Amino acid sequence: MTKRKLSRQQAWRVGKIQRERARRASKRDVQVLDALSAGDLGPEQEGTIVAHYGAQLTVESVLGTMQRCHLRANLEGLVTGDRVVWRAGEPTGVVVAQQERFNALSRPDPQGKLKPVAANIDQMLVVIAPYPEPHANLLDRYLVAAETMEIEPVILLNKTDLLTTDSRLAARVNAMLANYPKLGYPLLHTSTKTGEQSELRATLQGCTSVIVGQSGVGKSSLVNALLPGAGMRVGDLSGTKRKGTHTTTTAQLMHLSCGGSLIDSPGIREFALWHMTKEEVAQGFREFRPYLGSCKFRDCQHAQEPGCALLAAVDAGDVSEERLHSYQRIVGSLEHF
């Protein structure tokens, strides 16, 4: 795609913003260096970022103590869940180094660039609900993203109390989800109305998990149920379309009484996959993998080409036609970027 040439005024604005960011980063680095040279900081120790507030972070030590910290300008991009080396101070400590991540969950920023929002995650809880009505293609986007980032996905059907009063809705939702356990995806059922959370609590034990899903599916309500002191704001479903309103503004890592940790991420309506190639998307469909690379044509689009191994797998009943159509819709959406 051809880049659009900036006007002189636009270029001046971009340059001004960049200079201001550099000035703030330089000022912050001076503050950090002053603190380091003053010798009033404690020894280096390991910790985990549990919240991020602009130029400052909250770091948790291995002993469970918390402290606000500055960070060096060359450490931009740290997110909740990152493991760091830091030094305690009064009143503010300093993060001096970042430890290696084993994965990161990313989403597009307002400029469309991919930006990490949480790191070092064991499992992704993909929350859906009867309302807003779930769609397999949106669920598949979350699953593909999790597979690509090597985060174990868990499908969580929330607000199950709504299914007990609407048999048609229950039939539609159950039919949509029927294939996923066969593919090895855990499917949990929860409701904050009835207190149905035993499956969820067992799954969270000993793991660092992140909650994702459309706005309005009840993510914040679930966090409030799991952590009564969290105080997450809950947004009502808005208007006749019954879409949720965004309530969470920053990713926070919170410890659970069951022994696990939970990162509540900012609400997103649709997980962006535009940065991926069609080959990466295909790898994100776990049941496709045995057939990839076996098609007659190397550039097979898995649409109607003769000798397509995936189409043959669909005909044989080894791959569902719905999942293949979902893949094709996702790949089709990539062509718009």
Foldseek 3Di string as FASTA:
>chain_A
DDDDDDDPVRVVVVVVVVVVVVVVLVVLQVVQVVVVVVPQWADKAKWFFFWDDVQWTWTAGPVGDIAIEGEHSVPPQDEGGWMFIWIDHVRYTYTYGTDDFLFFDWAADPVGDIGTHHTNFQAEEEEAELPVPDDLLQVLQVLLSCVLRVHQYAYEYEPCVVCVVPVVSVVVVCVSCVCVVVVVHHYHYYYLVVGRCPVVLVVQAPTEYEYAYFAQRCPQVVVCSQPVPPPFDHFFQDDPSRGHDWGDDGWGWDAGPNHGIYTYHTYDHGGDPLVDALVSSQVSSVLSVVQQPQAPDVPDPLPDDPRRSVVVCCVVVSDPPVVSVSSNVNNVVSVVD
